[in-house]
Every structure is written in C-alpha cells, then in structure tokens.
Amino acid sequence: MTNHYHTLLSQIDFNLFLLSAGLFFAGLIFSIIVVKRDITFLLRYPLWIWNKLKALLQKQPSFLKLFLLIFFFNSCSLLFNIISGFGVALPYLFAFITGMNVGIIGYKEGGIKALFVMFFVPHAILELPAAWLSTTLGMQLGRELLIKTSNTGDVFILSLTIYLQIIIPLLLTAALIESALIHFSLKKLQHPASFSDEPFETQKQNNGNQQ
C-alpha cells in the first residue's frame, strides 16, 4: 500500500508543486493590499462566502451538517482546480486567487497575526497541501495540452486517481477535524466556562465599588 501511494506521488512535478504553493503565498500577501485599499470586486466573493458561513454558524448546525458542508465545498473546489487545467493557464490563476481569498478572510477577521496562525491550525495542515496538489495537477494537465502530447488522457486519469486516493482522504480528515473544532467552540459559547457566574462587566463594576 505504501509503495502504491509513493508511486502516485512520484508522478507529481515537485517544481510545479512549489510554484503552486508560491502563488498561494503571493496571493496571501496581496490580500493585505486588497483589504487595506478596499478593492471591492476582489473582496466581494470571499466575504460573501464568509458571511454565509457565519450566518450558518449562528443557527447552531449539527456536527454532521458542518462536516458535509465543509467537505462538499472543499472537494468541489479542488476538483475544479484539476479540471481547470483544460484552460492551461487557469490553475496558476486559481492558486493565486485561493491564497488571496483565504488571506482576505483571515486579515479581515484577525489582522496580520491571523495570516500566520492559520498555518498552525490542525485542519489547515491537511487542507493546504491538498489545495496545492490540486492546482499542481491542473498545471500538469495544462502543460500536456500546451505541448500537445498524446498523454493528456493518461495525465487526466492519473489526476483523478490522485484526487480520489490522496486528496479526498486528506479533505475527509480535515473536514472531521474542522467540524469537531467548530462544533466544540459553539458548545462552549452556549455554556461558557468562567471563574464567576457574573458577566465580566458586572465584575468590573463590583471591583470599582469595593475600591
């Protein structure tokens, strides 16, 4: 089994994988400019998605609903990254845009610190390599189309195989972790743990009266 996965991964162009990651980070840095300059047409889509997610979370969705939503959205997005290879240049653009969209949401919510913290979140450690792998596969497919070889069909089949056997398991695991973290956080908000039953503002008022 290990040899099988090693064989699959050996078909990945490591230089293109690094390029995919590099474009993602370039988009991430560019997101700071987008937010600071309030470039509306670039902000619209990521903030629309983020607001939809926040509205959903306010409804206290079940763990299963969260899991299915996260997994479905990510799996469709990454499959589209691969298929975009038929557009030759599109995977390069999508690698950059993915980084930009992630950065916009992170920077809007938590500033520059959030852009660094996101790389240490457990599910991101799985999701990000999966995303870079998907755009890499799209780049490889586009390259075959560009040089007009007879291997395009084989490359596409290989891409789908890697998607099903490597990317999907990564996304499944990441969605489970992310759903569990969100679900736990929502439960904590419903039953906040504190050293006192009094609200924080009431505690400050009491302290002021005692002084």
C-alpha atoms as a PDB file:
ATOM      1  CA  MET A   1       0.000   0.000   0.000  1.00  0.00           C
ATOM      2  CA  THR A   2       2.826   2.397   0.895  1.00  0.00           C
ATOM      3  CA  ASN A   3       4.519   1.670  -2.424  1.00  0.00           C
ATOM      4  CA  HIS A   4       1.257   2.425  -4.225  1.00  0.00           C
ATOM      5  CA  TYR A   5       0.999   5.907  -2.717  1.00  0.00           C
ATOM      6  CA  HIS A   6       4.692   6.508  -3.270  1.00  0.00           C
ATOM      7  CA  THR A   7       4.205   5.649  -6.940  1.00  0.00           C
ATOM      8  CA  LEU A   8       1.295   8.065  -7.224  1.00  0.00           C
ATOM      9  CA  LEU A   9       3.165  10.899  -5.539  1.00  0.00           C
ATOM     10  CA  SER A  10       6.221  10.289  -7.692  1.00  0.00           C
ATOM     11  CA  GLN A  11       4.089  11.350 -10.670  1.00  0.00           C
ATOM     12  CA  ILE A  12       3.771  14.840  -9.203  1.00  0.00           C
ATOM     13  CA  ASP A  13       6.058  17.518 -10.622  1.00  0.00           C
ATOM     14  CA  PHE A  14       7.667  18.853  -7.431  1.00  0.00           C
ATOM     15  CA  ASN A  15       8.712  22.100  -9.112  1.00  0.00           C
ATOM     16  CA  LEU A  16       5.106  22.804 -10.070  1.00  0.00           C
ATOM     17  CA  PHE A  17       4.022  21.944  -6.524  1.00  0.00           C
ATOM     18  CA  LEU A  18       6.450  24.551  -5.177  1.00  0.00           C
ATOM     19  CA  LEU A  19       5.173  27.021  -7.767  1.00  0.00           C
ATOM     20  CA  SER A  20       1.594  26.326  -6.682  1.00  0.00           C
ATOM     21  CA  ALA A  21       2.496  26.958  -3.035  1.00  0.00           C
ATOM     22  CA  GLY A  22       4.439  30.077  -4.029  1.00  0.00           C
ATOM     23  CA  LEU A  23       1.485  31.513  -5.942  1.00  0.00           C
ATOM     24  CA  PHE A  24      -0.741  30.796  -2.942  1.00  0.00           C
ATOM     25  CA  PHE A  25       1.573  32.748  -0.632  1.00  0.00           C
ATOM     26  CA  ALA A  26       1.803  35.564  -3.183  1.00  0.00           C
ATOM     27  CA  GLY A  27      -1.993  35.771  -3.149  1.00  0.00           C
ATOM     28  CA  LEU A  28      -1.958  35.696   0.639  1.00  0.00           C
ATOM     29  CA  ILE A  29       0.373  38.707   0.779  1.00  0.00           C
ATOM     30  CA  PHE A  30      -1.607  40.510  -1.914  1.00  0.00           C
ATOM     31  CA  SER A  31      -4.776  40.088   0.178  1.00  0.00           C
ATOM     32  CA  ILE A  32      -3.412  42.641   2.667  1.00  0.00           C
ATOM     33  CA  ILE A  33      -3.305  45.252  -0.098  1.00  0.00           C
ATOM     34  CA  VAL A  34      -6.795  44.285  -1.248  1.00  0.00           C
ATOM     35  CA  VAL A  35      -8.243  44.768   2.235  1.00  0.00           C
ATOM     36  CA  LYS A  36      -6.339  47.971   3.021  1.00  0.00           C
ATOM     37  CA  ARG A  37      -7.276  49.582  -0.289  1.00  0.00           C
ATOM     38  CA  ASP A  38     -10.804  48.175  -0.121  1.00  0.00           C
ATOM     39  CA  ILE A  39     -10.758  46.739  -3.656  1.00  0.00           C
ATOM     40  CA  THR A  40     -14.451  45.886  -3.759  1.00  0.00           C
ATOM     41  CA  PHE A  41     -14.616  43.479  -6.700  1.00  0.00           C
ATOM     42  CA  LEU A  42     -11.884  41.300  -5.154  1.00  0.00           C
ATOM     43  CA  LEU A  43     -13.441  41.409  -1.685  1.00  0.00           C
ATOM     44  CA  ARG A  44     -16.957  40.516  -2.793  1.00  0.00           C
ATOM     45  CA  TYR A  45     -16.700  36.723  -3.247  1.00  0.00           C
ATOM     46  CA  PRO A  46     -14.597  35.707  -0.178  1.00  0.00           C
ATOM     47  CA  LEU A  47     -16.584  37.978   2.140  1.00  0.00           C
ATOM     48  CA  TRP A  48     -19.868  36.675   0.711  1.00  0.00           C
ATOM     49  CA  ILE A  49     -18.766  33.110   1.458  1.00  0.00           C
ATOM     50  CA  TRP A  50     -17.547  34.105   4.926  1.00  0.00           C
ATOM     51  CA  ASN A  51     -20.783  35.912   5.798  1.00  0.00           C
ATOM     52  CA  LYS A  52     -22.816  32.908   4.639  1.00  0.00           C
ATOM     53  CA  LEU A  53     -20.736  30.661   6.894  1.00  0.00           C
ATOM     54  CA  LYS A  54     -21.131  32.972   9.886  1.00  0.00           C
ATOM     55  CA  ALA A  55     -24.895  33.103   9.322  1.00  0.00           C
ATOM     56  CA  LEU A  56     -24.961  29.303   9.280  1.00  0.00           C
ATOM     57  CA  LEU A  57     -22.944  29.069  12.495  1.00  0.00           C
ATOM     58  CA  GLN A  58     -25.410  31.356  14.257  1.00  0.00           C
ATOM     59  CA  LYS A  59     -28.051  28.701  13.638  1.00  0.00           C
ATOM     60  CA  GLN A  60     -26.023  26.153  15.646  1.00  0.00           C
ATOM     61  CA  PRO A  61     -25.764  23.494  12.897  1.00  0.00           C
ATOM     62  CA  SER A  62     -25.176  19.868  13.793  1.00  0.00           C
ATOM     63  CA  PHE A  63     -21.745  18.259  13.523  1.00  0.00           C
ATOM     64  CA  LEU A  64     -22.904  16.218  10.508  1.00  0.00           C
ATOM     65  CA  LYS A  65     -24.206  19.273   8.651  1.00  0.00           C
ATOM     66  CA  LEU A  66     -20.964  21.141   9.271  1.00  0.00           C
ATOM     67  CA  PHE A  67     -18.903  18.186   8.134  1.00  0.00           C
ATOM     68  CA  LEU A  68     -20.884  17.657   4.927  1.00  0.00           C
ATOM     69  CA  LEU A  69     -20.826  21.356   4.055  1.00  0.00           C
ATOM     70  CA  ILE A  70     -17.076  21.749   4.604  1.00  0.00           C
ATOM     71  CA  PHE A  71     -16.191  18.520   2.822  1.00  0.00           C
ATOM     72  CA  PHE A  72     -18.509  19.167  -0.140  1.00  0.00           C
ATOM     73  CA  PHE A  73     -17.281  22.733  -0.646  1.00  0.00           C
ATOM     74  CA  ASN A  74     -13.581  21.826  -0.411  1.00  0.00           C
ATOM     75  CA  SER A  75     -13.822  18.676  -2.529  1.00  0.00           C
ATOM     76  CA  CYS A  76     -15.703  20.504  -5.310  1.00  0.00           C
ATOM     77  CA  SER A  77     -13.265  23.433  -5.237  1.00  0.00           C
ATOM     78  CA  LEU A  78     -10.215  21.195  -5.501  1.00  0.00           C
ATOM     79  CA  LEU A  79     -11.749  19.057  -8.241  1.00  0.00           C
ATOM     80  CA  PHE A  80     -12.406  22.266 -10.161  1.00  0.00           C
ATOM     81  CA  ASN A  81      -8.720  23.200  -9.723  1.00  0.00           C
ATOM     82  CA  ILE A  82      -7.752  19.996 -11.515  1.00  0.00           C
ATOM     83  CA  ILE A  83     -10.308  20.392 -14.305  1.00  0.00           C
ATOM     84  CA  SER A  84      -9.177  23.993 -14.780  1.00  0.00           C
ATOM     85  CA  GLY A  85      -6.048  22.502 -16.331  1.00  0.00           C
ATOM     86  CA  PHE A  86      -8.026  22.262 -19.576  1.00  0.00           C
ATOM     87  CA  GLY A  87      -7.818  26.065 -19.527  1.00  0.00           C
ATOM     88  CA  VAL A  88      -3.996  25.760 -19.449  1.00  0.00           C
ATOM     89  CA  ALA A  89      -3.261  28.994 -17.526  1.00  0.00           C
ATOM     90  CA  LEU A  90      -6.221  28.811 -15.132  1.00  0.00           C
ATOM     91  CA  PRO A  91      -4.593  26.637 -12.414  1.00  0.00           C
ATOM     92  CA  TYR A  92      -1.873  29.271 -11.954  1.00  0.00           C
ATOM     93  CA  LEU A  93      -4.536  31.946 -11.549  1.00  0.00           C
ATOM     94  CA  PHE A  94      -6.588  29.816  -9.158  1.00  0.00           C
ATOM     95  CA  ALA A  95      -3.544  29.066  -6.983  1.00  0.00           C
ATOM     96  CA  PHE A  96      -3.062  32.821  -6.554  1.00  0.00           C
ATOM     97  CA  ILE A  97      -6.761  33.556  -6.042  1.00  0.00           C
ATOM     98  CA  THR A  98      -7.100  30.806  -3.431  1.00  0.00           C
ATOM     99  CA  GLY A  99      -4.328  32.382  -1.380  1.00  0.00           C
ATOM    100  CA  MET A 100      -5.856  35.814  -1.831  1.00  0.00           C
ATOM    101  CA  ASN A 101      -9.342  34.699  -0.750  1.00  0.00           C
ATOM    102  CA  VAL A 102      -8.016  32.872   2.308  1.00  0.00           C
ATOM    103  CA  GLY A 103      -5.908  35.909   3.183  1.00  0.00           C
ATOM    104  CA  ILE A 104      -8.797  38.347   2.804  1.00  0.00           C
ATOM    105  CA  ILE A 105     -10.940  36.403   5.264  1.00  0.00           C
ATOM    106  CA  GLY A 106      -8.069  35.923   7.706  1.00  0.00           C
ATOM    107  CA  TYR A 107      -6.848  39.523   7.565  1.00  0.00           C
ATOM    108  CA  LYS A 108     -10.373  40.931   7.832  1.00  0.00           C
ATOM    109  CA  GLU A 109     -11.112  38.842  10.913  1.00  0.00           C
ATOM    110  CA  GLY A 110      -7.820  38.818  12.791  1.00  0.00           C
ATOM    111  CA  GLY A 111      -5.281  41.081  11.128  1.00  0.00           C
ATOM    112  CA  ILE A 112      -1.731  40.080  10.233  1.00  0.00           C
ATOM    113  CA  LYS A 113      -1.483  37.614  13.131  1.00  0.00           C
ATOM    114  CA  ALA A 114      -4.345  35.546  11.727  1.00  0.00           C
ATOM    115  CA  LEU A 115      -2.394  35.013   8.499  1.00  0.00           C
ATOM    116  CA  PHE A 116       0.383  33.297  10.465  1.00  0.00           C
ATOM    117  CA  VAL A 117      -1.818  31.431  12.947  1.00  0.00           C
ATOM    118  CA  MET A 118      -3.838  29.749  10.189  1.00  0.00           C
ATOM    119  CA  PHE A 119      -0.826  27.621   9.231  1.00  0.00           C
ATOM    120  CA  PHE A 120      -0.794  26.019  12.677  1.00  0.00           C
ATOM    121  CA  VAL A 121      -4.486  25.091  12.733  1.00  0.00           C
ATOM    122  CA  PRO A 122      -4.726  21.256  12.532  1.00  0.00           C
ATOM    123  CA  HIS A 123      -7.109  21.065   9.573  1.00  0.00           C
ATOM    124  CA  ALA A 124      -5.152  23.658   7.557  1.00  0.00           C
ATOM    125  CA  ILE A 125      -2.066  21.433   7.737  1.00  0.00           C
ATOM    126  CA  LEU A 126      -4.058  18.939   5.641  1.00  0.00           C
ATOM    127  CA  GLU A 127      -6.155  21.297   3.522  1.00  0.00           C
ATOM    128  CA  LEU A 128      -3.357  23.498   2.224  1.00  0.00           C
ATOM    129  CA  PRO A 129      -1.140  20.722   0.761  1.00  0.00           C
ATOM    130  CA  ALA A 130      -4.291  19.187  -0.746  1.00  0.00           C
ATOM    131  CA  ALA A 131      -5.117  22.542  -2.383  1.00  0.00           C
ATOM    132  CA  TRP A 132      -1.566  22.964  -3.708  1.00  0.00           C
ATOM    133  CA  LEU A 133      -1.624  19.401  -5.001  1.00  0.00           C
ATOM    134  CA  SER A 134      -4.889  20.021  -6.879  1.00  0.00           C
ATOM    135  CA  THR A 135      -3.567  23.104  -8.671  1.00  0.00           C
ATOM    136  CA  THR A 136      -0.327  21.236  -9.410  1.00  0.00           C
ATOM    137  CA  LEU A 137      -2.334  18.503 -11.121  1.00  0.00           C
ATOM    138  CA  GLY A 138      -4.170  21.166 -13.101  1.00  0.00           C
ATOM    139  CA  MET A 139      -0.849  22.692 -14.134  1.00  0.00           C
ATOM    140  CA  GLN A 140       0.454  19.304 -15.291  1.00  0.00           C
ATOM    141  CA  LEU A 141      -2.704  18.725 -17.312  1.00  0.00           C
ATOM    142  CA  GLY A 142      -2.424  22.182 -18.879  1.00  0.00           C
ATOM    143  CA  ARG A 143       1.209  21.552 -19.745  1.00  0.00           C
ATOM    144  CA  GLU A 144       0.289  18.383 -21.629  1.00  0.00           C
ATOM    145  CA  LEU A 145      -2.348  20.280 -23.594  1.00  0.00           C
ATOM    146  CA  LEU A 146       0.096  23.079 -24.347  1.00  0.00           C
ATOM    147  CA  ILE A 147       2.790  20.814 -25.761  1.00  0.00           C
ATOM    148  CA  LYS A 148       0.103  18.730 -27.497  1.00  0.00           C
ATOM    149  CA  THR A 149       1.267  15.278 -26.497  1.00  0.00           C
ATOM    150  CA  SER A 150      -0.831  12.130 -26.710  1.00  0.00           C
ATOM    151  CA  ASN A 151      -0.587  11.652 -22.926  1.00  0.00           C
ATOM    152  CA  THR A 152      -3.292  14.167 -21.978  1.00  0.00           C
ATOM    153  CA  GLY A 153      -5.885  11.469 -21.291  1.00  0.00           C
ATOM    154  CA  ASP A 154      -3.460   9.470 -19.155  1.00  0.00           C
ATOM    155  CA  VAL A 155      -2.480  12.584 -17.189  1.00  0.00           C
ATOM    156  CA  PHE A 156      -6.140  13.406 -16.540  1.00  0.00           C
ATOM    157  CA  ILE A 157      -6.870   9.852 -15.364  1.00  0.00           C
ATOM    158  CA  LEU A 158      -3.790   9.979 -13.120  1.00  0.00           C
ATOM    159  CA  SER A 159      -5.004  13.311 -11.724  1.00  0.00           C
ATOM    160  CA  LEU A 160      -8.417  11.862 -10.879  1.00  0.00           C
ATOM    161  CA  THR A 161      -6.745   8.835  -9.276  1.00  0.00           C
ATOM    162  CA  ILE A 162      -4.604  11.082  -7.055  1.00  0.00           C
ATOM    163  CA  TYR A 163      -7.684  13.175  -6.287  1.00  0.00           C
ATOM    164  CA  LEU A 164      -9.707  10.156  -5.153  1.00  0.00           C
ATOM    165  CA  GLN A 165      -6.944   8.294  -3.326  1.00  0.00           C
ATOM    166  CA  ILE A 166      -4.916  11.120  -1.769  1.00  0.00           C
ATOM    167  CA  ILE A 167      -6.748  14.453  -1.885  1.00  0.00           C
ATOM    168  CA  ILE A 168     -10.185  13.141  -0.828  1.00  0.00           C
ATOM    169  CA  PRO A 169      -8.811  11.301   2.261  1.00  0.00           C
ATOM    170  CA  LEU A 170      -6.935  14.484   3.256  1.00  0.00           C
ATOM    171  CA  LEU A 171     -10.115  16.544   2.879  1.00  0.00           C
ATOM    172  CA  LEU A 172     -12.190  13.985   4.781  1.00  0.00           C
ATOM    173  CA  THR A 173      -9.790  14.072   7.712  1.00  0.00           C
ATOM    174  CA  ALA A 174      -9.529  17.861   7.611  1.00  0.00           C
ATOM    175  CA  ALA A 175     -13.322  18.261   7.491  1.00  0.00           C
ATOM    176  CA  LEU A 176     -13.722  15.969  10.503  1.00  0.00           C
ATOM    177  CA  ILE A 177     -11.178  17.964  12.496  1.00  0.00           C
ATOM    178  CA  GLU A 178     -12.556  21.354  11.445  1.00  0.00           C
ATOM    179  CA  SER A 179     -16.165  20.325  12.128  1.00  0.00           C
ATOM    180  CA  ALA A 180     -15.212  18.992  15.549  1.00  0.00           C
ATOM    181  CA  LEU A 181     -13.370  22.221  16.437  1.00  0.00           C
ATOM    182  CA  ILE A 182     -16.247  24.430  15.294  1.00  0.00           C
ATOM    183  CA  HIS A 183     -18.859  22.245  16.988  1.00  0.00           C
ATOM    184  CA  PHE A 184     -16.883  22.275  20.241  1.00  0.00           C
ATOM    185  CA  SER A 185     -16.477  26.067  20.048  1.00  0.00           C
ATOM    186  CA  LEU A 186     -20.211  26.549  19.510  1.00  0.00           C
ATOM    187  CA  LYS A 187     -20.952  24.355  22.529  1.00  0.00           C
ATOM    188  CA  LYS A 188     -18.519  26.386  24.637  1.00  0.00           C
ATOM    189  CA  LEU A 189     -20.292  29.575  23.604  1.00  0.00           C
ATOM    190  CA  GLN A 190     -23.608  28.083  24.683  1.00  0.00           C
ATOM    191  CA  HIS A 191     -22.160  27.076  28.072  1.00  0.00           C
ATOM    192  CA  PRO A 192     -19.248  29.456  28.724  1.00  0.00           C
ATOM    193  CA  ALA A 193     -16.882  28.422  31.469  1.00  0.00           C
ATOM    194  CA  SER A 194     -15.670  31.182  33.788  1.00  0.00           C
ATOM    195  CA  PHE A 195     -14.456  31.713  37.297  1.00  0.00           C
ATOM    196  CA  SER A 196     -17.659  33.527  38.134  1.00  0.00           C
ATOM    197  CA  ASP A 197     -21.262  33.359  37.042  1.00  0.00           C
ATOM    198  CA  GLU A 198     -21.302  37.152  36.782  1.00  0.00           C
ATOM    199  CA  PRO A 199     -20.710  38.861  33.420  1.00  0.00           C
ATOM    200  CA  PHE A 200     -17.328  40.480  33.009  1.00  0.00           C
ATOM    201  CA  GLU A 201     -18.787  43.975  33.040  1.00  0.00           C
ATOM    202  CA  THR A 202     -20.583  43.277  36.333  1.00  0.00           C
ATOM    203  CA  GLN A 203     -17.337  42.053  37.859  1.00  0.00           C
ATOM    204  CA  LYS A 204     -15.609  45.300  36.901  1.00  0.00           C
ATOM    205  CA  GLN A 205     -18.416  47.347  38.428  1.00  0.00           C
ATOM    206  CA  ASN A 206     -18.218  45.374  41.683  1.00  0.00           C
ATOM    207  CA  ASN A 207     -14.472  45.823  41.836  1.00  0.00           C
ATOM    208  CA  GLY A 208     -14.926  49.544  41.350  1.00  0.00           C
ATOM    209  CA  ASN A 209     -17.469  49.762  44.164  1.00  0.00           C
ATOM    210  CA  GLN A 210     -15.163  47.897  46.525  1.00  0.00           C
ATOM    211  CA  GLN A 211     -12.396  50.392  45.829  1.00  0.00           C
END
